[in-house]
């Protein structure tokens, strides 16, 4: 039943299904912004004689930037996804797990790649009819399932089991194949958006308390904040950003990118950060720094120049990712899949980032996977 070559999920979903999938996702994860206020009513001019003086009225103060009038927030625990939410509406809605199982052997990369490998394995299993059972390897279960409610995130549309819950021997798929070989254009982007939203917005109590405690400690829950992501990328940030901008769509994936160099973005130079914050209407908001700790001198400069705050407790990588997702504005790093995934979850909830999620996906992920598959 399972084809020899690893199939692409949603392989039969053509471009015409994109609108159905997108409408379903937007219905479930539509923008949480309040409706705009009604336009002011204009009074009809009245006739006034020459000897009458109009009463003096103090002009109203200029309105603050839009983001400072209201700090949009993303909520925990999104609505669950219905069965077969990723398929056309005319497809059967019945959901039953199959009798065959698959697991992932090894790993390819660090925390964020493991998240992506899990999402891609979910896409791989549900692309079969009936869906395959995904048996979690111990590393994935320890890193992800112990920190996020994976069962609630996949309830009703995917089959996930622990190793001790599956008596047989599941078929192996390598982590490299799981990471690179299961994407499919725009449908793949939307699948990733919804799956990551379901998973990352369901943290376990300890992780949820760490994020909310940091926000309360610095009063970020009331004021809002700008999350700035800094990555060294093993010293290859500049070369990766240059390659990103050469890919199709890379130039439009970053707001204001025509004004910046790769060095501006990787070094988070003032001309890049200040203009981006201003462009997104987030002037005056506190800055929260999410970094990998590989460039302490850069982190120290951002703390000195912007008073940047940073989290330094347990599970720092996951707390940083969730702070990036929950921020009022995200200033991400285009050469990092961590930034891209945070922007992807935010876009589904209608929150602004300097990365345009779908264009970023096309410029960052598609060329990388095409190179691997060739």
Protein backbone atom coordinates (compact mmCIF):
# COMPACT_ATOMS: atom_id res chain seq x y z
CA UNK A 1 0.00 0.00 0.00
CA UNK A 2 2.84 2.38 0.83
CA UNK A 3 4.78 3.45 -2.27
CA UNK A 4 8.50 2.81 -2.34
CA UNK A 5 9.46 6.42 -2.96
CA UNK A 6 8.49 8.81 -0.22
CA UNK A 7 5.35 10.53 -1.55
CA UNK A 8 4.64 14.19 -1.24
CA UNK A 9 1.72 14.94 1.06
CA UNK A 10 -1.23 16.50 -0.68
CA UNK A 11 0.35 15.25 -3.89
CA UNK A 12 -2.99 15.27 -5.64
CA UNK A 13 -4.01 18.64 -4.27
CA UNK A 14 -3.66 21.04 -7.16
CA UNK A 15 -3.56 24.81 -7.03
CA UNK A 16 -7.33 24.98 -7.22
CA UNK A 17 -7.51 23.39 -3.75
CA UNK A 18 -5.37 26.11 -2.24
CA UNK A 19 -8.27 28.50 -1.78
CA UNK A 20 -10.36 25.84 -0.02
CA UNK A 21 -7.52 25.00 2.34
CA UNK A 22 -6.71 28.64 2.91
CA UNK A 23 -10.34 29.50 3.64
CA UNK A 24 -10.56 26.63 6.11
CA UNK A 25 -7.41 27.81 7.89
CA UNK A 26 -8.51 31.41 7.97
CA UNK A 27 -11.88 30.34 9.37
CA UNK A 28 -10.13 28.49 12.18
CA UNK A 29 -7.25 30.91 12.76
CA UNK A 30 -8.58 34.19 11.44
CA UNK A 31 -7.16 37.49 12.54
CA UNK A 32 -7.89 38.31 16.17
CA UNK A 33 -7.70 42.08 15.57
CA UNK A 34 -10.73 44.12 16.70
CA UNK A 35 -12.85 45.59 13.91
CA UNK A 36 -11.78 49.06 12.78
CA UNK A 37 -13.72 51.99 14.25
CA UNK A 38 -16.44 53.50 12.07
CA UNK A 39 -15.45 56.58 10.05
CA UNK A 40 -16.19 59.93 11.73
CA UNK A 41 -19.45 61.63 10.84
CA UNK A 42 -19.04 64.90 8.97
CA UNK A 43 -21.26 67.79 9.97
CA UNK A 44 -22.99 69.86 7.37
CA UNK A 45 -21.56 73.41 7.14
CA UNK A 46 -23.75 76.09 8.69
CA UNK A 47 -24.24 79.63 7.43
CA UNK A 48 -22.46 82.23 9.58
CA UNK A 49 -22.67 86.02 9.35
CA UNK A 50 -19.50 88.10 9.17
CA UNK A 51 -19.74 89.50 12.74
CA UNK A 52 -20.01 86.01 14.34
CA UNK A 53 -16.79 84.36 15.54
CA UNK A 54 -16.65 80.59 15.70
CA UNK A 55 -15.97 79.17 19.17
CA UNK A 56 -12.38 78.04 19.75
CA UNK A 57 -11.90 74.31 19.81
CA UNK A 58 -8.65 72.69 20.81
CA UNK A 59 -7.42 70.46 17.97
CA UNK A 60 -7.41 66.77 18.86
CA UNK A 61 -3.99 65.24 19.61
CA UNK A 62 -2.45 63.19 16.84
CA UNK A 63 -3.34 59.51 17.13
CA UNK A 64 -0.53 57.20 18.28
CA UNK A 65 0.79 54.54 15.90
CA UNK A 66 -1.70 51.81 15.16
CA UNK A 67 0.20 49.10 17.06
CA UNK A 68 0.32 51.26 20.18
CA UNK A 69 -3.46 51.71 20.21
CA UNK A 70 -3.93 47.97 20.53
CA UNK A 71 -1.40 45.23 21.21
CA UNK A 72 -2.62 42.21 19.27
CA UNK A 73 -1.94 38.98 21.09
CA UNK A 74 -2.03 35.38 20.01
CA UNK A 75 -3.94 33.01 22.28
CA UNK A 76 -2.95 29.60 23.55
CA UNK A 77 -4.92 26.47 22.62
CA UNK A 78 -6.31 27.21 19.13
CA UNK A 79 -9.53 25.51 17.99
CA UNK A 80 -8.91 21.87 17.02
CA UNK A 81 -8.68 20.97 13.36
CA UNK A 82 -11.43 18.84 11.81
CA UNK A 83 -10.63 15.51 10.12
CA UNK A 84 -9.23 15.84 6.61
CA UNK A 85 -8.92 19.63 6.99
CA UNK A 86 -6.07 19.60 4.45
CA UNK A 87 -8.14 18.01 1.66
CA UNK A 88 -10.87 19.44 -0.62
CA UNK A 89 -14.32 19.86 0.90
CA UNK A 90 -15.82 17.10 -1.22
CA UNK A 91 -13.47 14.51 0.29
CA UNK A 92 -14.87 12.09 2.87
CA UNK A 93 -14.61 13.40 6.43
CA UNK A 94 -14.37 9.98 8.08
CA UNK A 95 -11.16 9.38 9.99
CA UNK A 96 -9.76 5.99 10.96
CA UNK A 97 -6.14 5.15 11.67
CA UNK A 98 -4.52 2.55 9.45
CA UNK A 99 -2.80 -0.65 10.53
CA UNK A 100 0.62 0.24 9.20
CA UNK A 101 3.08 2.36 11.16
CA UNK A 102 6.13 4.43 10.40
CA UNK A 103 8.78 6.04 12.56
CA UNK A 104 11.73 8.38 12.02
CA UNK A 105 15.26 7.14 12.60
CA UNK A 106 18.02 9.49 13.71
CA UNK A 107 17.83 13.27 13.59
CA UNK A 108 19.06 16.03 11.29
CA UNK A 109 19.90 19.27 13.04
CA UNK A 110 18.84 20.80 16.31
CA UNK A 111 15.59 21.84 18.02
CA UNK A 112 13.81 23.60 15.17
CA UNK A 113 14.74 20.94 12.63
CA UNK A 114 13.30 18.29 14.93
CA UNK A 115 10.06 20.25 14.99
CA UNK A 116 10.06 20.39 11.20
CA UNK A 117 10.85 16.69 10.92
CA UNK A 118 7.84 15.96 13.10
CA UNK A 119 5.53 18.18 11.04
CA UNK A 120 6.77 16.63 7.80
CA UNK A 121 6.26 13.13 9.19
CA UNK A 122 2.68 14.09 10.02
CA UNK A 123 2.23 15.30 6.45
CA UNK A 124 3.71 12.04 5.18
CA UNK A 125 1.42 9.84 7.28
CA UNK A 126 -1.82 11.64 6.45
CA UNK A 127 -1.01 11.57 2.73
CA UNK A 128 -1.87 7.85 2.83
CA UNK A 129 -5.36 6.37 2.90
CA UNK A 130 -5.98 5.24 5.55
CA UNK A 131 -3.44 7.35 7.43
CA UNK A 132 -0.30 5.67 8.68
CA UNK A 133 0.38 5.60 12.42
CA UNK A 134 3.35 7.77 13.41
CA UNK A 135 5.34 6.08 16.18
CA UNK A 136 7.46 8.66 17.99
CA UNK A 137 11.12 7.96 18.48
CA UNK A 138 12.37 8.61 22.04
CA UNK A 139 14.26 11.79 21.12
CA UNK A 140 11.22 13.40 19.51
CA UNK A 141 9.02 12.36 22.40
CA UNK A 142 11.45 13.76 24.96
CA UNK A 143 12.10 17.04 23.15
CA UNK A 144 8.64 17.82 21.75
CA UNK A 145 5.90 15.71 23.31
CA UNK A 146 7.14 16.39 26.84
CA UNK A 147 6.88 20.16 26.22
CA UNK A 148 3.81 20.40 23.97
CA UNK A 149 0.46 18.63 23.94
CA UNK A 150 1.01 16.69 20.76
CA UNK A 151 -2.06 14.50 21.26
CA UNK A 152 -4.41 17.49 21.46
CA UNK A 153 -2.66 19.11 18.48
CA UNK A 154 -3.26 16.08 16.24
CA UNK A 155 -6.55 14.80 17.69
CA UNK A 156 -9.00 13.79 14.98
CA UNK A 157 -6.74 14.15 11.94
CA UNK A 158 -3.44 12.29 12.54
CA UNK A 159 -2.44 9.07 14.32
CA UNK A 160 0.41 9.49 16.83
CA UNK A 161 1.60 6.83 19.28
CA UNK A 162 4.45 6.40 21.73
CA UNK A 163 6.88 3.57 21.12
CA UNK A 164 5.51 1.50 23.99
CA UNK A 165 1.96 1.91 22.61
CA UNK A 166 2.77 0.17 19.32
CA UNK A 167 3.50 -3.55 19.63
CA UNK A 168 4.84 -4.10 16.14
CA UNK A 169 7.94 -2.86 14.34
CA UNK A 170 7.24 0.35 12.40
CA UNK A 171 8.91 1.08 9.09
CA UNK A 172 11.81 3.55 9.28
CA UNK A 173 12.09 6.86 7.46
CA UNK A 174 15.38 8.74 7.85
CA UNK A 175 15.35 12.16 9.45
CA UNK A 176 16.96 13.70 6.37
CA UNK A 177 14.14 12.39 4.18
CA UNK A 178 11.58 13.63 6.70
CA UNK A 179 13.12 17.09 6.78
CA UNK A 180 13.63 17.69 3.07
CA UNK A 181 11.45 15.43 0.95
CA UNK A 182 7.87 16.01 2.08
CA UNK A 183 6.99 19.52 0.97
CA UNK A 184 4.65 20.56 -1.80
CA UNK A 185 4.56 24.24 -2.68
CA UNK A 186 1.82 26.45 -1.32
CA UNK A 187 -0.20 23.56 0.05
CA UNK A 188 2.88 22.44 1.99
CA UNK A 189 3.27 25.94 3.39
CA UNK A 190 -0.32 26.05 4.59
CA UNK A 191 -0.07 22.55 6.07
CA UNK A 192 3.04 23.57 7.99
CA UNK A 193 1.36 26.79 9.18
CA UNK A 194 -1.63 24.98 10.66
CA UNK A 195 0.32 22.04 12.10
CA UNK A 196 2.90 24.28 13.78
CA UNK A 197 0.17 26.52 15.15
CA UNK A 198 -1.63 23.56 16.65
CA UNK A 199 1.56 22.24 18.23
CA UNK A 200 3.41 25.37 19.39
CA UNK A 201 0.35 27.07 20.85
CA UNK A 202 -0.28 24.11 23.17
CA UNK A 203 2.73 24.22 25.53
CA UNK A 204 2.76 22.14 28.67
CA UNK A 205 2.07 24.01 31.96
CA UNK A 206 5.75 24.49 32.90
CA UNK A 207 6.71 25.96 29.52
CA UNK A 208 3.58 28.10 29.39
CA UNK A 209 4.30 29.44 32.87
CA UNK A 210 7.88 30.33 31.90
CA UNK A 211 6.70 32.40 28.91
CA UNK A 212 3.90 34.15 30.78
CA UNK A 213 6.10 34.72 33.84
CA UNK A 214 8.76 36.46 31.74
CA UNK A 215 6.12 38.67 30.12
CA UNK A 216 4.59 39.61 33.49
CA UNK A 217 7.96 40.25 35.12
CA UNK A 218 8.80 42.92 32.54
CA UNK A 219 5.19 44.08 32.03
CA UNK A 220 5.31 42.97 28.43
CA UNK A 221 1.83 41.49 28.64
CA UNK A 222 0.40 45.00 29.08
CA UNK A 223 2.74 47.04 26.87
CA UNK A 224 3.52 44.67 24.05
CA UNK A 225 7.04 44.20 22.70
CA UNK A 226 9.26 43.78 19.66
CA UNK A 227 10.99 40.40 19.40
CA UNK A 228 14.36 40.52 17.61
CA UNK A 229 15.89 37.24 16.50
CA UNK A 230 19.69 36.99 16.23
CA UNK A 231 21.38 33.94 14.70
CA UNK A 232 25.00 33.27 13.91
CA UNK A 233 24.15 30.20 11.83
CA UNK A 234 27.55 28.68 12.53
CA UNK A 235 29.25 31.77 11.12
CA UNK A 236 27.47 31.50 7.75
CA UNK A 237 24.74 34.09 8.28
CA UNK A 238 25.97 36.58 5.64
CA UNK A 239 26.49 33.96 2.93
CA UNK A 240 23.12 32.36 3.65
CA UNK A 241 21.27 35.69 3.56
CA UNK A 242 22.93 36.57 0.24
CA UNK A 243 21.90 33.21 -1.17
CA UNK A 244 18.39 33.74 0.20
CA UNK A 245 18.05 37.07 -1.65
CA UNK A 246 19.18 35.41 -4.89
CA UNK A 247 16.36 32.85 -4.65
CA UNK A 248 13.06 33.58 -6.33
CA UNK A 249 10.91 35.70 -4.07
CA UNK A 250 13.70 36.42 -1.59
CA UNK A 251 13.66 40.13 -2.36
CA UNK A 252 10.01 40.54 -1.41
CA UNK A 253 10.11 38.20 1.60
CA UNK A 254 11.75 40.83 3.84
CA UNK A 255 10.10 44.20 4.33
CA UNK A 256 12.31 47.04 3.09
CA UNK A 257 14.98 44.58 1.96
CA UNK A 258 16.06 46.82 -0.94
CA UNK A 259 17.50 49.24 1.62
CA UNK A 260 19.61 46.70 3.51
CA UNK A 261 22.63 44.50 2.97
CA UNK A 262 23.17 40.98 4.28
CA UNK A 263 25.56 42.47 6.85
CA UNK A 264 22.81 44.86 8.02
CA UNK A 265 20.50 41.95 8.77
CA UNK A 266 23.04 39.56 10.28
CA UNK A 267 24.64 42.24 12.50
CA UNK A 268 21.26 43.81 13.32
CA UNK A 269 22.72 47.21 12.52
CA UNK A 270 20.84 50.29 13.73
CA UNK A 271 19.85 51.38 10.22
CA UNK A 272 18.10 48.03 9.76
CA UNK A 273 16.50 47.63 13.18
CA UNK A 274 15.32 51.21 13.67
CA UNK A 275 13.88 51.57 10.19
CA UNK A 276 12.15 48.18 10.42
CA UNK A 277 10.59 49.00 13.79
CA UNK A 278 9.48 52.38 12.42
CA UNK A 279 8.14 50.78 9.23
CA UNK A 280 5.98 48.46 11.31
CA UNK A 281 4.75 51.21 13.64
CA UNK A 282 6.31 49.75 16.79
CA UNK A 283 8.38 52.72 17.98
CA UNK A 284 8.78 52.92 21.73
CA UNK A 285 7.93 49.30 22.46
CA UNK A 286 10.38 47.26 24.58
CA UNK A 287 12.77 44.97 22.70
CA UNK A 288 13.08 41.29 23.57
CA UNK A 289 16.16 39.52 22.27
CA UNK A 290 16.03 35.89 21.15
CA UNK A 291 19.52 34.68 20.28
CA UNK A 292 21.55 31.48 20.09
CA UNK A 293 24.33 32.77 22.35
CA UNK A 294 26.98 32.48 19.63
CA UNK A 295 27.54 36.25 19.30
CA UNK A 296 27.75 37.66 22.82
CA UNK A 297 29.20 40.97 21.63
CA UNK A 298 26.18 41.59 19.38
CA UNK A 299 23.75 40.66 22.15
CA UNK A 300 25.58 43.00 24.54
CA UNK A 301 25.32 45.87 22.04
CA UNK A 302 21.58 45.38 21.61
CA UNK A 303 21.10 45.35 25.38
CA UNK A 304 23.18 48.51 25.69
CA UNK A 305 21.60 50.46 22.81
CA UNK A 306 17.98 49.28 23.08
CA UNK A 307 17.71 47.99 26.64
CA UNK A 308 16.91 44.59 25.12
CA UNK A 309 15.54 41.97 27.49
CA UNK A 310 16.30 38.28 27.22
CA UNK A 311 15.19 35.06 28.89
CA UNK A 312 17.87 32.93 30.55
CA UNK A 313 15.99 30.11 32.27
CA UNK A 314 15.21 26.46 31.40
CA UNK A 315 14.04 25.55 27.89
CA UNK A 316 15.42 28.86 26.58
CA UNK A 317 15.17 27.85 22.91
CA UNK A 318 11.45 27.05 23.19
CA UNK A 319 10.71 30.08 25.38
CA UNK A 320 12.46 32.33 22.83
CA UNK A 321 10.43 30.78 20.00
CA UNK A 322 7.15 31.32 21.85
CA UNK A 323 8.10 34.90 22.74
CA UNK A 324 8.78 35.52 19.04
CA UNK A 325 5.34 34.11 18.21
CA UNK A 326 3.54 36.15 20.90
CA UNK A 327 5.34 39.48 20.30
CA UNK A 328 3.52 42.56 19.03
CA UNK A 329 6.03 42.72 16.17
CA UNK A 330 8.66 40.20 15.06
CA UNK A 331 11.96 41.27 13.47
CA UNK A 332 13.25 37.95 12.20
CA UNK A 333 16.30 36.64 10.44
CA UNK A 334 15.49 35.49 6.88
CA UNK A 335 18.24 32.86 6.79
CA UNK A 336 16.84 31.12 9.87
CA UNK A 337 14.01 28.60 9.75
CA UNK A 338 13.27 29.49 13.40
CA UNK A 339 12.34 33.04 12.34
CA UNK A 340 10.45 31.76 9.34
CA UNK A 341 8.40 29.32 11.36
CA UNK A 342 7.58 31.97 13.97
CA UNK A 343 6.49 34.32 11.17
CA UNK A 344 4.41 31.51 9.67
CA UNK A 345 2.46 30.93 12.89
CA UNK A 346 2.04 34.68 13.36
CA UNK A 347 0.77 35.18 9.81
CA UNK A 348 -1.95 32.61 10.38
CA UNK A 349 -3.10 34.66 13.39
CA UNK A 350 -2.81 38.00 11.55
CA UNK A 351 0.22 39.30 13.50
CA UNK A 352 2.89 41.37 11.69
CA UNK A 353 6.49 40.35 11.02
CA UNK A 354 9.24 41.74 8.86
CA UNK A 355 9.16 38.39 7.02
CA UNK A 356 6.29 37.77 4.62
CA UNK A 357 5.63 34.14 5.49
CA UNK A 358 4.58 32.65 2.17
CA UNK A 359 7.26 34.47 0.16
CA UNK A 360 9.84 33.47 2.77
CA UNK A 361 8.77 29.85 2.47
CA UNK A 362 9.12 29.92 -1.31
CA UNK A 363 12.57 31.54 -1.17
CA UNK A 364 13.98 29.58 1.76
CA UNK A 365 12.47 26.10 1.73
CA UNK A 366 11.66 25.26 -1.88
CA UNK A 367 15.16 25.84 -3.32
CA UNK A 368 16.76 23.92 -0.45
CA UNK A 369 14.52 20.92 -0.95
CA UNK A 370 14.92 21.05 -4.72
CA UNK A 371 18.69 20.87 -4.30
CA UNK A 372 18.41 17.86 -1.99
CA UNK A 373 16.04 15.99 -4.27
CA UNK A 374 18.18 16.48 -7.36
